[in-house]
C-alpha atoms as a PDB file:
ATOM      1  CA  UNK A   1      -5.609   5.458  -5.915  1.00  0.00           C
ATOM      2  CA  UNK A   2      -6.027   1.706  -5.971  1.00  0.00           C
ATOM      3  CA  UNK A   3      -8.260  -0.509  -3.868  1.00  0.00           C
ATOM      4  CA  UNK A   4      -6.944  -3.684  -2.175  1.00  0.00           C
ATOM      5  CA  UNK A   5      -8.588  -5.852  -4.849  1.00  0.00           C
ATOM      6  CA  UNK A   6      -6.736  -4.004  -7.581  1.00  0.00           C
ATOM      7  CA  UNK A   7      -3.446  -4.482  -5.729  1.00  0.00           C
ATOM      8  CA  UNK A   8      -4.231  -8.196  -5.364  1.00  0.00           C
ATOM      9  CA  UNK A   9      -4.819  -8.561  -9.093  1.00  0.00           C
ATOM     10  CA  UNK A  10      -1.709  -6.591 -10.046  1.00  0.00           C
ATOM     11  CA  UNK A  11       0.419  -8.649  -7.637  1.00  0.00           C
ATOM     12  CA  UNK A  12      -0.948 -11.921  -9.008  1.00  0.00           C
ATOM     13  CA  UNK A  13      -0.177 -11.022 -12.612  1.00  0.00           C
ATOM     14  CA  UNK A  14       3.164  -9.414 -11.755  1.00  0.00           C
ATOM     15  CA  UNK A  15       4.413 -12.410  -9.750  1.00  0.00           C
ATOM     16  CA  UNK A  16       3.165 -14.809 -12.402  1.00  0.00           C
ATOM     17  CA  UNK A  17       4.913 -12.843 -15.151  1.00  0.00           C
ATOM     18  CA  UNK A  18       8.135 -12.801 -13.104  1.00  0.00           C
ATOM     19  CA  UNK A  19       7.964 -16.556 -12.645  1.00  0.00           C
ATOM     20  CA  UNK A  20       7.300 -17.129 -16.355  1.00  0.00           C
ATOM     21  CA  UNK A  21      10.200 -14.847 -17.296  1.00  0.00           C
ATOM     22  CA  UNK A  22      12.602 -16.673 -14.958  1.00  0.00           C
ATOM     23  CA  UNK A  23      11.505 -20.069 -16.270  1.00  0.00           C
ATOM     24  CA  UNK A  24      11.969 -18.902 -19.852  1.00  0.00           C
ATOM     25  CA  UNK A  25      15.469 -17.550 -19.163  1.00  0.00           C
ATOM     26  CA  UNK A  26      16.523 -20.721 -17.351  1.00  0.00           C
ATOM     27  CA  UNK A  27      15.101 -22.828 -20.216  1.00  0.00           C
ATOM     28  CA  UNK A  28      17.203 -20.852 -22.700  1.00  0.00           C
ATOM     29  CA  UNK A  29      20.274 -21.524 -20.541  1.00  0.00           C
ATOM     30  CA  UNK A  30      19.282 -25.211 -20.435  1.00  0.00           C
ATOM     31  CA  UNK A  31      19.189 -25.295 -24.244  1.00  0.00           C
ATOM     32  CA  UNK A  32      22.481 -23.407 -24.561  1.00  0.00           C
ATOM     33  CA  UNK A  33      24.231 -25.866 -22.228  1.00  0.00           C
ATOM     34  CA  UNK A  34      23.237 -28.867 -24.325  1.00  0.00           C
ATOM     35  CA  UNK A  35      20.220 -30.065 -22.278  1.00  0.00           C
ATOM     36  CA  UNK A  36      22.450 -31.554 -19.649  1.00  0.00           C
ATOM     37  CA  UNK A  37      21.623 -29.552 -16.586  1.00  0.00           C
ATOM     38  CA  UNK A  38      18.056 -30.236 -15.473  1.00  0.00           C
ATOM     39  CA  UNK A  39      18.699 -27.795 -12.606  1.00  0.00           C
ATOM     40  CA  UNK A  40      21.057 -30.338 -11.059  1.00  0.00           C
ATOM     41  CA  UNK A  41      18.315 -32.824 -10.126  1.00  0.00           C
ATOM     42  CA  UNK A  42      19.473 -35.722 -12.320  1.00  0.00           C
ATOM     43  CA  UNK A  43      22.963 -35.659 -10.869  1.00  0.00           C
ATOM     44  CA  UNK A  44      25.220 -33.068  -9.326  1.00  0.00           C
ATOM     45  CA  UNK A  45      26.495 -31.173 -12.343  1.00  0.00           C
ATOM     46  CA  UNK A  46      27.794 -27.662 -13.048  1.00  0.00           C
ATOM     47  CA  UNK A  47      25.290 -27.069 -15.866  1.00  0.00           C
ATOM     48  CA  UNK A  48      22.405 -27.658 -13.460  1.00  0.00           C
ATOM     49  CA  UNK A  49      23.862 -25.255 -10.945  1.00  0.00           C
ATOM     50  CA  UNK A  50      24.250 -22.604 -13.649  1.00  0.00           C
ATOM     51  CA  UNK A  51      20.590 -23.074 -14.584  1.00  0.00           C
ATOM     52  CA  UNK A  52      19.514 -22.754 -10.955  1.00  0.00           C
ATOM     53  CA  UNK A  53      21.529 -19.615 -10.350  1.00  0.00           C
ATOM     54  CA  UNK A  54      20.208 -18.163 -13.621  1.00  0.00           C
ATOM     55  CA  UNK A  55      16.639 -18.873 -12.518  1.00  0.00           C
ATOM     56  CA  UNK A  56      17.170 -17.203  -9.128  1.00  0.00           C
ATOM     57  CA  UNK A  57      18.805 -14.122 -10.634  1.00  0.00           C
ATOM     58  CA  UNK A  58      16.176 -13.751 -13.361  1.00  0.00           C
ATOM     59  CA  UNK A  59      13.305 -14.215 -10.885  1.00  0.00           C
ATOM     60  CA  UNK A  60      14.785 -11.718  -8.422  1.00  0.00           C
ATOM     61  CA  UNK A  61      15.425  -9.150 -11.137  1.00  0.00           C
ATOM     62  CA  UNK A  62      11.918  -9.586 -12.539  1.00  0.00           C
ATOM     63  CA  UNK A  63      10.328  -9.171  -9.092  1.00  0.00           C
ATOM     64  CA  UNK A  64      12.309  -5.990  -8.478  1.00  0.00           C
ATOM     65  CA  UNK A  65      11.266  -4.623 -11.858  1.00  0.00           C
ATOM     66  CA  UNK A  66       7.587  -5.502 -11.359  1.00  0.00           C
ATOM     67  CA  UNK A  67       7.563  -4.061  -7.841  1.00  0.00           C
ATOM     68  CA  UNK A  68       8.979  -0.740  -8.961  1.00  0.00           C
ATOM     69  CA  UNK A  69       6.959  -0.415 -12.147  1.00  0.00           C
ATOM     70  CA  UNK A  70       3.612  -1.361 -10.554  1.00  0.00           C
ATOM     71  CA  UNK A  71       4.398   0.266  -7.180  1.00  0.00           C
ATOM     72  CA  UNK A  72       3.381  -2.812  -5.215  1.00  0.00           C
ATOM     73  CA  UNK A  73       4.134  -3.541  -1.564  1.00  0.00           C
ATOM     74  CA  UNK A  74       6.677  -6.349  -1.280  1.00  0.00           C
ATOM     75  CA  UNK A  75       4.529  -8.683   0.877  1.00  0.00           C
ATOM     76  CA  UNK A  76       1.681  -8.392  -1.613  1.00  0.00           C
ATOM     77  CA  UNK A  77       3.904  -9.207  -4.581  1.00  0.00           C
ATOM     78  CA  UNK A  78       5.804 -12.046  -2.904  1.00  0.00           C
ATOM     79  CA  UNK A  79       2.591 -13.706  -1.746  1.00  0.00           C
ATOM     80  CA  UNK A  80       1.076 -13.529  -5.260  1.00  0.00           C
ATOM     81  CA  UNK A  81      -1.594 -11.175  -3.903  1.00  0.00           C
ATOM     82  CA  UNK A  82      -2.634 -13.204  -0.857  1.00  0.00           C
ATOM     83  CA  UNK A  83      -1.445 -10.548   1.601  1.00  0.00           C
ATOM     84  CA  UNK A  84      -2.968  -7.208   0.709  1.00  0.00           C
ATOM     85  CA  UNK A  85      -3.032  -3.992   2.735  1.00  0.00           C
ATOM     86  CA  UNK A  86      -6.201  -3.028   4.519  1.00  0.00           C
ATOM     87  CA  UNK A  87      -8.648  -0.523   3.154  1.00  0.00           C
ATOM     88  CA  UNK A  88      -8.310   2.996   4.522  1.00  0.00           C
ATOM     89  CA  UNK A  89     -11.807   2.810   6.025  1.00  0.00           C
ATOM     90  CA  UNK A  90     -10.735  -0.084   8.256  1.00  0.00           C
ATOM     91  CA  UNK A  91      -7.428   1.531   9.228  1.00  0.00           C
ATOM     92  CA  UNK A  92      -8.775   5.010   9.983  1.00  0.00           C
ATOM     93  CA  UNK A  93      -8.914   6.107  13.592  1.00  0.00           C
ATOM     94  CA  UNK A  94     -12.272   7.423  14.680  1.00  0.00           C
ATOM     95  CA  UNK A  95     -12.179  11.016  15.844  1.00  0.00           C
ATOM     96  CA  UNK A  96     -14.874  13.037  17.570  1.00  0.00           C
ATOM     97  CA  UNK A  97     -17.159  15.021  15.306  1.00  0.00           C
ATOM     98  CA  UNK A  98     -18.615  17.955  17.181  1.00  0.00           C
ATOM     99  CA  UNK A  99     -20.494  21.162  16.493  1.00  0.00           C
ATOM    100  CA  UNK A 100     -18.481  24.359  16.323  1.00  0.00           C
ATOM    101  CA  UNK A 101     -19.562  25.470  19.807  1.00  0.00           C
ATOM    102  CA  UNK A 102     -18.253  22.337  21.546  1.00  0.00           C
ATOM    103  CA  UNK A 103     -14.781  22.289  19.995  1.00  0.00           C
ATOM    104  CA  UNK A 104     -12.869  23.735  22.957  1.00  0.00           C
ATOM    105  CA  UNK A 105     -14.124  21.124  25.431  1.00  0.00           C
ATOM    106  CA  UNK A 106     -13.596  18.183  23.076  1.00  0.00           C
ATOM    107  CA  UNK A 107     -10.163  19.364  21.896  1.00  0.00           C
ATOM    108  CA  UNK A 108      -8.909  19.314  25.465  1.00  0.00           C
ATOM    109  CA  UNK A 109      -9.545  15.548  25.532  1.00  0.00           C
ATOM    110  CA  UNK A 110      -8.602  14.658  21.940  1.00  0.00           C
ATOM    111  CA  UNK A 111      -5.740  15.534  19.651  1.00  0.00           C
ATOM    112  CA  UNK A 112      -7.794  15.938  16.456  1.00  0.00           C
ATOM    113  CA  UNK A 113     -11.456  16.932  16.205  1.00  0.00           C
ATOM    114  CA  UNK A 114     -13.688  17.228  13.140  1.00  0.00           C
ATOM    115  CA  UNK A 115     -15.789  20.361  13.327  1.00  0.00           C
ATOM    116  CA  UNK A 116     -19.342  20.251  11.987  1.00  0.00           C
ATOM    117  CA  UNK A 117     -21.796  23.032  11.415  1.00  0.00           C
ATOM    118  CA  UNK A 118     -25.457  22.059  11.002  1.00  0.00           C
ATOM    119  CA  UNK A 119     -24.358  18.435  10.508  1.00  0.00           C
ATOM    120  CA  UNK A 120     -21.936  19.201   7.653  1.00  0.00           C
ATOM    121  CA  UNK A 121     -18.173  18.929   8.188  1.00  0.00           C
ATOM    122  CA  UNK A 122     -16.477  22.320   7.867  1.00  0.00           C
ATOM    123  CA  UNK A 123     -12.951  21.601   9.080  1.00  0.00           C
ATOM    124  CA  UNK A 124     -10.517  19.929  11.435  1.00  0.00           C
ATOM    125  CA  UNK A 125      -8.907  21.419  14.481  1.00  0.00           C
ATOM    126  CA  UNK A 126      -5.851  20.228  16.330  1.00  0.00           C
ATOM    127  CA  UNK A 127      -3.484  20.327  13.356  1.00  0.00           C
ATOM    128  CA  UNK A 128      -2.398  23.910  13.918  1.00  0.00           C
ATOM    129  CA  UNK A 129      -2.490  25.626  17.242  1.00  0.00           C
ATOM    130  CA  UNK A 130      -5.760  27.512  17.923  1.00  0.00           C
ATOM    131  CA  UNK A 131      -7.130  27.328  14.382  1.00  0.00           C
ATOM    132  CA  UNK A 132      -9.499  25.285  12.286  1.00  0.00           C
ATOM    133  CA  UNK A 133      -8.225  23.926   8.987  1.00  0.00           C
ATOM    134  CA  UNK A 134     -10.905  24.348   6.342  1.00  0.00           C
ATOM    135  CA  UNK A 135     -12.593  21.223   4.966  1.00  0.00           C
ATOM    136  CA  UNK A 136     -11.609  22.217   1.425  1.00  0.00           C
ATOM    137  CA  UNK A 137      -7.905  22.342   2.364  1.00  0.00           C
ATOM    138  CA  UNK A 138      -7.887  18.791   3.720  1.00  0.00           C
ATOM    139  CA  UNK A 139      -6.988  15.738   1.665  1.00  0.00           C
ATOM    140  CA  UNK A 140      -9.920  13.343   1.605  1.00  0.00           C
ATOM    141  CA  UNK A 141      -9.867   9.758   0.309  1.00  0.00           C
ATOM    142  CA  UNK A 142     -12.629   7.174  -0.048  1.00  0.00           C
ATOM    143  CA  UNK A 143     -12.764   4.341   2.459  1.00  0.00           C
ATOM    144  CA  UNK A 144     -12.122   1.719  -0.229  1.00  0.00           C
ATOM    145  CA  UNK A 145      -8.569   2.941  -1.026  1.00  0.00           C
ATOM    146  CA  UNK A 146      -5.691   0.705   0.087  1.00  0.00           C
ATOM    147  CA  UNK A 147      -3.717   2.157   2.992  1.00  0.00           C
ATOM    148  CA  UNK A 148      -0.391   1.763   1.178  1.00  0.00           C
ATOM    149  CA  UNK A 149      -1.621   4.144  -1.522  1.00  0.00           C
ATOM    150  CA  UNK A 150      -1.578   6.960   1.045  1.00  0.00           C
ATOM    151  CA  UNK A 151       2.211   6.909   1.379  1.00  0.00           C
ATOM    152  CA  UNK A 152       2.818   9.718  -1.131  1.00  0.00           C
ATOM    153  CA  UNK A 153       0.023  11.867   0.285  1.00  0.00           C
ATOM    154  CA  UNK A 154       1.179  11.476   3.880  1.00  0.00           C
ATOM    155  CA  UNK A 155       4.710  12.455   2.903  1.00  0.00           C
ATOM    156  CA  UNK A 156       3.388  16.005   2.434  1.00  0.00           C
ATOM    157  CA  UNK A 157       0.294  16.181   4.655  1.00  0.00           C
ATOM    158  CA  UNK A 158      -0.127  15.685   8.403  1.00  0.00           C
ATOM    159  CA  UNK A 159      -3.299  13.696   8.015  1.00  0.00           C
ATOM    160  CA  UNK A 160      -5.779  12.312   5.532  1.00  0.00           C
ATOM    161  CA  UNK A 161      -9.514  12.299   6.171  1.00  0.00           C
ATOM    162  CA  UNK A 162     -11.222   9.046   5.191  1.00  0.00           C
ATOM    163  CA  UNK A 163     -14.693   9.991   4.023  1.00  0.00           C
ATOM    164  CA  UNK A 164     -17.363   8.844   1.611  1.00  0.00           C
ATOM    165  CA  UNK A 165     -19.284  11.979   0.752  1.00  0.00           C
ATOM    166  CA  UNK A 166     -20.493  13.541   4.003  1.00  0.00           C
ATOM    167  CA  UNK A 167     -19.862  10.336   6.002  1.00  0.00           C
ATOM    168  CA  UNK A 168     -16.536  10.645   7.808  1.00  0.00           C
ATOM    169  CA  UNK A 169     -14.974   7.322   8.846  1.00  0.00           C
ATOM    170  CA  UNK A 170     -11.939   8.822  10.591  1.00  0.00           C
ATOM    171  CA  UNK A 171      -8.422  10.072   9.932  1.00  0.00           C
ATOM    172  CA  UNK A 172      -5.035   8.548   9.204  1.00  0.00           C
ATOM    173  CA  UNK A 173      -2.095  10.602  10.436  1.00  0.00           C
ATOM    174  CA  UNK A 174       1.565  10.384   9.508  1.00  0.00           C
ATOM    175  CA  UNK A 175       2.369   8.898  12.902  1.00  0.00           C
ATOM    176  CA  UNK A 176      -0.351   6.251  12.584  1.00  0.00           C
ATOM    177  CA  UNK A 177       0.854   5.302   9.118  1.00  0.00           C
ATOM    178  CA  UNK A 178       4.460   4.900  10.212  1.00  0.00           C
ATOM    179  CA  UNK A 179       3.583   3.049  13.391  1.00  0.00           C
ATOM    180  CA  UNK A 180       1.232   0.515  11.765  1.00  0.00           C
ATOM    181  CA  UNK A 181       2.989  -0.116   8.482  1.00  0.00           C
END
């Protein structure tokens, strides 16, 4: 899973490559039309309009190709990497972390609770009625992962625990992901 900085770099290079490709294709059209077009800036001419339309089509096609091959969010690609998704650690909702004996009281007030035993997380309750889902069964991601990278995981899981080792930052649920993104 990629971090926001990696997405920024991929978007920068992908958008730059798309721009270079579109310029190259429109330059080839410029040469094929006898160097008369200049994108229509010298005077209103059909050759210039053909070059402009060629540039737009080539640039759009290249952006679509780069987006699908690099699996980049559209705003990140279109902004050349200026707009990147947040890290999962910043987007995670804090949930109560309680000892196993206090789960019933805390669960009445909260939808999801992380259960600890002797300070170590052992599971999450609230996912399934009256049961604790084991810590090993849960999907855990580091806090530095970009939120958009969780899309495929959240398509199959109800929630993802954002944790760095034994430090739990919170959870991201399917509902949170769909509501915020």
